[in-house]
All heavy atoms as atom14 arrays in JSON, in Angstrom:
{
  "sequence": "AYTGDFFKHILPFLIFMELAFMVGTWGIAG",
  "atom14_mask": [
    [1, 1, 1, 1, 1, 0, 0, 0, 0, 0, 0, 0, 0, 0],
    [1, 1, 1, 1, 1, 1, 1, 1, 1, 1, 1, 1, 0, 0],
    [1, 1, 1, 1, 1, 1, 1, 0, 0, 0, 0, 0, 0, 0],
    [1, 1, 1, 1, 0, 0, 0, 0, 0, 0, 0, 0, 0, 0],
    [1, 1, 1, 1, 1, 1, 1, 1, 0, 0, 0, 0, 0, 0],
    [1, 1, 1, 1, 1, 1, 1, 1, 1, 1, 1, 0, 0, 0],
    [1, 1, 1, 1, 1, 1, 1, 1, 1, 1, 1, 0, 0, 0],
    [1, 1, 1, 1, 1, 1, 1, 1, 1, 0, 0, 0, 0, 0],
    [1, 1, 1, 1, 1, 1, 1, 1, 1, 1, 0, 0, 0, 0],
    [1, 1, 1, 1, 1, 1, 1, 1, 0, 0, 0, 0, 0, 0],
    [1, 1, 1, 1, 1, 1, 1, 1, 0, 0, 0, 0, 0, 0],
    [1, 1, 1, 1, 1, 1, 1, 0, 0, 0, 0, 0, 0, 0],
    [1, 1, 1, 1, 1, 1, 1, 1, 1, 1, 1, 0, 0, 0],
    [1, 1, 1, 1, 1, 1, 1, 1, 0, 0, 0, 0, 0, 0],
    [1, 1, 1, 1, 1, 1, 1, 1, 0, 0, 0, 0, 0, 0],
    [1, 1, 1, 1, 1, 1, 1, 1, 1, 1, 1, 0, 0, 0],
    [1, 1, 1, 1, 1, 1, 1, 1, 0, 0, 0, 0, 0, 0],
    [1, 1, 1, 1, 1, 1, 1, 1, 1, 0, 0, 0, 0, 0],
    [1, 1, 1, 1, 1, 1, 1, 1, 0, 0, 0, 0, 0, 0],
    [1, 1, 1, 1, 1, 0, 0, 0, 0, 0, 0, 0, 0, 0],
    [1, 1, 1, 1, 1, 1, 1, 1, 1, 1, 1, 0, 0, 0],
    [1, 1, 1, 1, 1, 1, 1, 1, 0, 0, 0, 0, 0, 0],
    [1, 1, 1, 1, 1, 1, 1, 0, 0, 0, 0, 0, 0, 0],
    [1, 1, 1, 1, 0, 0, 0, 0, 0, 0, 0, 0, 0, 0],
    [1, 1, 1, 1, 1, 1, 1, 0, 0, 0, 0, 0, 0, 0],
    [1, 1, 1, 1, 1, 1, 1, 1, 1, 1, 1, 1, 1, 1],
    [1, 1, 1, 1, 0, 0, 0, 0, 0, 0, 0, 0, 0, 0],
    [1, 1, 1, 1, 1, 1, 1, 1, 0, 0, 0, 0, 0, 0],
    [1, 1, 1, 1, 1, 0, 0, 0, 0, 0, 0, 0, 0, 0],
    [1, 1, 1, 1, 0, 0, 0, 0, 0, 0, 0, 0, 0, 0]
  ],
  "atom14_positions": [
    [[-18.95, 11.6, 47.71], [-18.45, 13.04, 47.71], [-18.76, 13.55, 49.02], [-19.75, 13.36, 49.71], [-19.17, 13.75, 46.59], [0.0, 0.0, 0.0], [0.0, 0.0, 0.0], [0.0, 0.0, 0.0], [0.0, 0.0, 0.0], [0.0, 0.0, 0.0], [0.0, 0.0, 0.0], [0.0, 0.0, 0.0], [0.0, 0.0, 0.0], [0.0, 0.0, 0.0]],
    [[-17.74, 14.51, 49.4], [-17.89, 15.28, 50.63], [-18.6, 16.54, 50.26], [-18.13, 17.63, 50.2], [-16.61, 15.63, 51.28], [-15.91, 14.47, 51.92], [-14.75, 13.8, 51.43], [-16.4, 13.95, 53.19], [-14.22, 12.73, 52.06], [-15.79, 12.79, 53.83], [-14.67, 12.32, 53.28], [-14.12, 11.15, 53.85], [0.0, 0.0, 0.0], [0.0, 0.0, 0.0]],
    [[-20.0, 16.41, 49.97], [-20.8, 17.53, 49.56], [-21.67, 17.98, 50.79], [-21.73, 17.4, 51.89], [-21.61, 17.16, 48.43], [-22.43, 16.01, 48.71], [-20.65, 16.75, 47.21], [0.0, 0.0, 0.0], [0.0, 0.0, 0.0], [0.0, 0.0, 0.0], [0.0, 0.0, 0.0], [0.0, 0.0, 0.0], [0.0, 0.0, 0.0], [0.0, 0.0, 0.0]],
    [[-22.62, 18.89, 50.46], [-23.56, 19.37, 51.36], [-24.5, 18.18, 51.85], [-24.92, 18.25, 53.01], [0.0, 0.0, 0.0], [0.0, 0.0, 0.0], [0.0, 0.0, 0.0], [0.0, 0.0, 0.0], [0.0, 0.0, 0.0], [0.0, 0.0, 0.0], [0.0, 0.0, 0.0], [0.0, 0.0, 0.0], [0.0, 0.0, 0.0], [0.0, 0.0, 0.0]],
    [[-24.66, 17.32, 50.99], [-25.56, 16.05, 51.38], [-24.9, 15.32, 52.51], [-25.66, 14.86, 53.38], [-25.77, 15.2, 50.12], [-27.01, 14.39, 50.26], [-27.92, 14.75, 51.01], [-27.02, 13.26, 49.67], [0.0, 0.0, 0.0], [0.0, 0.0, 0.0], [0.0, 0.0, 0.0], [0.0, 0.0, 0.0], [0.0, 0.0, 0.0], [0.0, 0.0, 0.0]],
    [[-23.57, 15.08, 52.5], [-22.84, 14.39, 53.53], [-23.02, 15.16, 54.87], [-23.45, 14.53, 55.92], [-21.31, 14.29, 53.14], [-20.51, 13.8, 54.26], [-20.52, 12.46, 54.62], [-19.72, 14.66, 55.05], [-19.65, 11.9, 55.71], [-18.93, 14.29, 56.04], [-18.89, 12.96, 56.32], [0.0, 0.0, 0.0], [0.0, 0.0, 0.0], [0.0, 0.0, 0.0]],
    [[-22.79, 16.45, 54.89], [-22.84, 17.13, 56.08], [-24.33, 17.26, 56.65], [-24.59, 17.37, 57.8], [-22.31, 18.58, 55.9], [-20.8, 18.67, 55.58], [-20.36, 18.74, 54.29], [-19.87, 18.48, 56.62], [-18.96, 18.73, 54.07], [-18.54, 18.43, 56.4], [-18.08, 18.61, 55.04], [0.0, 0.0, 0.0], [0.0, 0.0, 0.0], [0.0, 0.0, 0.0]],
    [[-25.27, 17.31, 55.68], [-26.6, 17.36, 56.13], [-27.01, 16.11, 56.93], [-27.88, 16.19, 57.76], [-27.52, 17.58, 54.88], [-29.11, 17.55, 55.15], [-29.93, 17.67, 53.85], [-29.82, 16.32, 53.14], [-30.75, 16.43, 51.82], [0.0, 0.0, 0.0], [0.0, 0.0, 0.0], [0.0, 0.0, 0.0], [0.0, 0.0, 0.0], [0.0, 0.0, 0.0]],
    [[-26.4, 15.0, 56.53], [-26.8, 13.77, 57.28], [-26.04, 13.52, 58.51], [-26.52, 13.04, 59.56], [-26.63, 12.59, 56.3], [-27.77, 12.4, 55.3], [-27.67, 13.19, 54.08], [-28.86, 11.73, 55.32], [-28.73, 12.83, 53.39], [-29.5, 11.99, 54.07], [0.0, 0.0, 0.0], [0.0, 0.0, 0.0], [0.0, 0.0, 0.0], [0.0, 0.0, 0.0]],
    [[-24.71, 13.85, 58.47], [-23.88, 13.5, 59.63], [-23.86, 14.51, 60.71], [-23.83, 14.19, 61.87], [-22.41, 13.21, 59.15], [-21.71, 12.38, 60.34], [-21.69, 14.48, 58.78], [-20.35, 11.96, 59.96], [0.0, 0.0, 0.0], [0.0, 0.0, 0.0], [0.0, 0.0, 0.0], [0.0, 0.0, 0.0], [0.0, 0.0, 0.0], [0.0, 0.0, 0.0]],
    [[-23.93, 15.76, 60.42], [-23.78, 16.82, 61.51], [-25.02, 16.75, 62.42], [-24.74, 16.91, 63.74], [-23.61, 18.24, 60.87], [-22.33, 18.55, 60.22], [-22.29, 19.94, 59.68], [-21.21, 18.37, 61.31], [0.0, 0.0, 0.0], [0.0, 0.0, 0.0], [0.0, 0.0, 0.0], [0.0, 0.0, 0.0], [0.0, 0.0, 0.0], [0.0, 0.0, 0.0]],
    [[-26.19, 16.74, 62.06], [-27.23, 16.68, 63.03], [-27.2, 15.45, 64.0], [-27.37, 15.64, 65.26], [-28.61, 16.47, 62.2], [-28.29, 17.09, 60.83], [-26.74, 16.64, 60.65], [0.0, 0.0, 0.0], [0.0, 0.0, 0.0], [0.0, 0.0, 0.0], [0.0, 0.0, 0.0], [0.0, 0.0, 0.0], [0.0, 0.0, 0.0], [0.0, 0.0, 0.0]],
    [[-26.74, 14.29, 63.5], [-26.59, 13.15, 64.29], [-25.5, 13.37, 65.33], [-25.66, 13.14, 66.51], [-26.16, 12.01, 63.43], [-25.63, 10.71, 64.16], [-26.37, 10.13, 65.25], [-24.49, 10.11, 63.76], [-25.98, 9.13, 65.93], [-24.1, 8.95, 64.34], [-24.79, 8.49, 65.62], [0.0, 0.0, 0.0], [0.0, 0.0, 0.0], [0.0, 0.0, 0.0]],
    [[-24.29, 13.84, 64.94], [-23.25, 14.09, 65.82], [-23.6, 15.1, 66.87], [-23.3, 15.02, 68.07], [-21.94, 14.6, 65.07], [-21.39, 13.45, 64.06], [-20.15, 14.09, 63.41], [-20.95, 12.18, 64.85], [0.0, 0.0, 0.0], [0.0, 0.0, 0.0], [0.0, 0.0, 0.0], [0.0, 0.0, 0.0], [0.0, 0.0, 0.0], [0.0, 0.0, 0.0]],
    [[-24.25, 16.24, 66.45], [-24.57, 17.26, 67.43], [-25.63, 16.77, 68.47], [-25.33, 17.0, 69.58], [-25.14, 18.48, 66.61], [-24.05, 19.13, 65.83], [-25.78, 19.55, 67.61], [-24.61, 20.23, 64.88], [0.0, 0.0, 0.0], [0.0, 0.0, 0.0], [0.0, 0.0, 0.0], [0.0, 0.0, 0.0], [0.0, 0.0, 0.0], [0.0, 0.0, 0.0]],
    [[-26.59, 16.16, 68.06], [-27.59, 15.65, 69.03], [-27.07, 14.55, 69.88], [-27.51, 14.4, 71.08], [-28.9, 15.15, 68.27], [-29.79, 16.31, 68.09], [-29.78, 17.07, 66.9], [-30.83, 16.7, 69.06], [-30.66, 18.13, 66.67], [-31.72, 17.73, 68.86], [-31.65, 18.4, 67.69], [0.0, 0.0, 0.0], [0.0, 0.0, 0.0], [0.0, 0.0, 0.0]],
    [[-26.18, 13.74, 69.34], [-25.59, 12.74, 70.2], [-24.69, 13.29, 71.26], [-24.78, 12.84, 72.38], [-24.69, 11.76, 69.28], [-24.02, 10.61, 70.06], [-22.98, 9.55, 69.02], [-21.68, 10.75, 68.64], [0.0, 0.0, 0.0], [0.0, 0.0, 0.0], [0.0, 0.0, 0.0], [0.0, 0.0, 0.0], [0.0, 0.0, 0.0], [0.0, 0.0, 0.0]],
    [[-23.91, 14.37, 70.92], [-23.02, 14.99, 71.88], [-23.96, 15.71, 72.95], [-23.7, 15.56, 74.2], [-22.15, 15.99, 71.29], [-21.02, 15.38, 70.47], [-20.12, 14.52, 71.38], [-19.78, 14.79, 72.51], [-19.76, 13.3, 70.88], [0.0, 0.0, 0.0], [0.0, 0.0, 0.0], [0.0, 0.0, 0.0], [0.0, 0.0, 0.0], [0.0, 0.0, 0.0]],
    [[-25.03, 16.33, 72.57], [-26.01, 16.99, 73.41], [-26.61, 15.96, 74.36], [-26.76, 16.27, 75.51], [-27.03, 17.81, 72.66], [-26.6, 19.11, 71.98], [-27.63, 19.61, 71.19], [-26.12, 20.11, 73.05], [0.0, 0.0, 0.0], [0.0, 0.0, 0.0], [0.0, 0.0, 0.0], [0.0, 0.0, 0.0], [0.0, 0.0, 0.0], [0.0, 0.0, 0.0]],
    [[-27.08, 14.85, 73.76], [-27.67, 13.86, 74.61], [-26.81, 13.28, 75.68], [-27.2, 13.21, 76.89], [-28.18, 12.69, 73.68], [0.0, 0.0, 0.0], [0.0, 0.0, 0.0], [0.0, 0.0, 0.0], [0.0, 0.0, 0.0], [0.0, 0.0, 0.0], [0.0, 0.0, 0.0], [0.0, 0.0, 0.0], [0.0, 0.0, 0.0], [0.0, 0.0, 0.0]],
    [[-25.61, 12.98, 75.44], [-24.69, 12.36, 76.38], [-24.21, 13.39, 77.38], [-23.78, 13.12, 78.54], [-23.56, 11.61, 75.73], [-24.08, 10.27, 75.27], [-24.26, 10.09, 73.78], [-24.37, 9.2, 76.01], [-24.71, 8.81, 73.35], [-24.87, 7.98, 75.67], [-25.02, 7.73, 74.23], [0.0, 0.0, 0.0], [0.0, 0.0, 0.0], [0.0, 0.0, 0.0]],
    [[-24.15, 14.69, 76.92], [-23.72, 15.76, 77.88], [-24.75, 15.83, 78.95], [-24.54, 16.02, 80.22], [-23.56, 17.04, 77.13], [-23.17, 18.21, 77.98], [-23.03, 19.8, 77.05], [-24.7, 20.11, 76.86], [0.0, 0.0, 0.0], [0.0, 0.0, 0.0], [0.0, 0.0, 0.0], [0.0, 0.0, 0.0], [0.0, 0.0, 0.0], [0.0, 0.0, 0.0]],
    [[-26.06, 15.7, 78.56], [-27.1, 15.83, 79.62], [-27.24, 14.44, 80.29], [-27.38, 14.46, 81.57], [-28.54, 16.13, 78.87], [-29.58, 16.02, 79.82], [-28.4, 17.52, 78.19], [0.0, 0.0, 0.0], [0.0, 0.0, 0.0], [0.0, 0.0, 0.0], [0.0, 0.0, 0.0], [0.0, 0.0, 0.0], [0.0, 0.0, 0.0], [0.0, 0.0, 0.0]],
    [[-27.06, 13.45, 79.58], [-27.23, 12.03, 80.22], [-26.21, 11.7, 81.22], [-26.49, 10.95, 82.24], [0.0, 0.0, 0.0], [0.0, 0.0, 0.0], [0.0, 0.0, 0.0], [0.0, 0.0, 0.0], [0.0, 0.0, 0.0], [0.0, 0.0, 0.0], [0.0, 0.0, 0.0], [0.0, 0.0, 0.0], [0.0, 0.0, 0.0], [0.0, 0.0, 0.0]],
    [[-25.01, 12.32, 81.2], [-23.91, 12.09, 82.09], [-23.65, 13.39, 82.81], [-22.49, 13.75, 83.13], [-22.63, 11.57, 81.48], [-22.13, 12.55, 80.43], [-22.93, 10.22, 80.79], [0.0, 0.0, 0.0], [0.0, 0.0, 0.0], [0.0, 0.0, 0.0], [0.0, 0.0, 0.0], [0.0, 0.0, 0.0], [0.0, 0.0, 0.0], [0.0, 0.0, 0.0]],
    [[-24.66, 14.17, 83.06], [-24.49, 15.48, 83.69], [-23.65, 15.46, 84.91], [-24.05, 14.72, 85.88], [-25.81, 16.16, 83.95], [-25.9, 17.56, 84.27], [-25.86, 18.23, 85.51], [-25.77, 18.67, 83.27], [-25.75, 19.55, 85.31], [-25.73, 19.87, 83.99], [-25.7, 18.69, 81.83], [-25.71, 21.05, 83.38], [-25.67, 19.88, 81.3], [-25.65, 21.02, 82.04]],
    [[-22.63, 16.27, 84.9], [-21.76, 16.33, 86.15], [-20.53, 15.54, 85.98], [-19.63, 15.62, 86.84], [0.0, 0.0, 0.0], [0.0, 0.0, 0.0], [0.0, 0.0, 0.0], [0.0, 0.0, 0.0], [0.0, 0.0, 0.0], [0.0, 0.0, 0.0], [0.0, 0.0, 0.0], [0.0, 0.0, 0.0], [0.0, 0.0, 0.0], [0.0, 0.0, 0.0]],
    [[-20.41, 14.81, 84.95], [-19.2, 13.95, 84.6], [-18.68, 14.35, 83.28], [-19.39, 14.08, 82.24], [-19.41, 12.45, 84.82], [-19.98, 12.14, 86.16], [-18.25, 11.65, 84.51], [-20.31, 10.61, 86.49], [0.0, 0.0, 0.0], [0.0, 0.0, 0.0], [0.0, 0.0, 0.0], [0.0, 0.0, 0.0], [0.0, 0.0, 0.0], [0.0, 0.0, 0.0]],
    [[-17.39, 14.69, 83.19], [-16.78, 14.91, 81.82], [-16.77, 13.71, 81.03], [-16.2, 12.68, 81.45], [-15.48, 15.58, 81.95], [0.0, 0.0, 0.0], [0.0, 0.0, 0.0], [0.0, 0.0, 0.0], [0.0, 0.0, 0.0], [0.0, 0.0, 0.0], [0.0, 0.0, 0.0], [0.0, 0.0, 0.0], [0.0, 0.0, 0.0], [0.0, 0.0, 0.0]],
    [[-17.23, 13.74, 79.73], [-17.34, 12.44, 79.0], [-16.26, 12.32, 78.01], [-15.91, 11.13, 77.63], [0.0, 0.0, 0.0], [0.0, 0.0, 0.0], [0.0, 0.0, 0.0], [0.0, 0.0, 0.0], [0.0, 0.0, 0.0], [0.0, 0.0, 0.0], [0.0, 0.0, 0.0], [0.0, 0.0, 0.0], [0.0, 0.0, 0.0], [0.0, 0.0, 0.0]]
  ]
}
């Protein structure tokens, strides 16, 4: 089901992954 449990698990992963690579490749659009 696409419930709150789904968003609770996937959104933190996606957000921190984007933040990590934004910093890790700082200066280059990813």
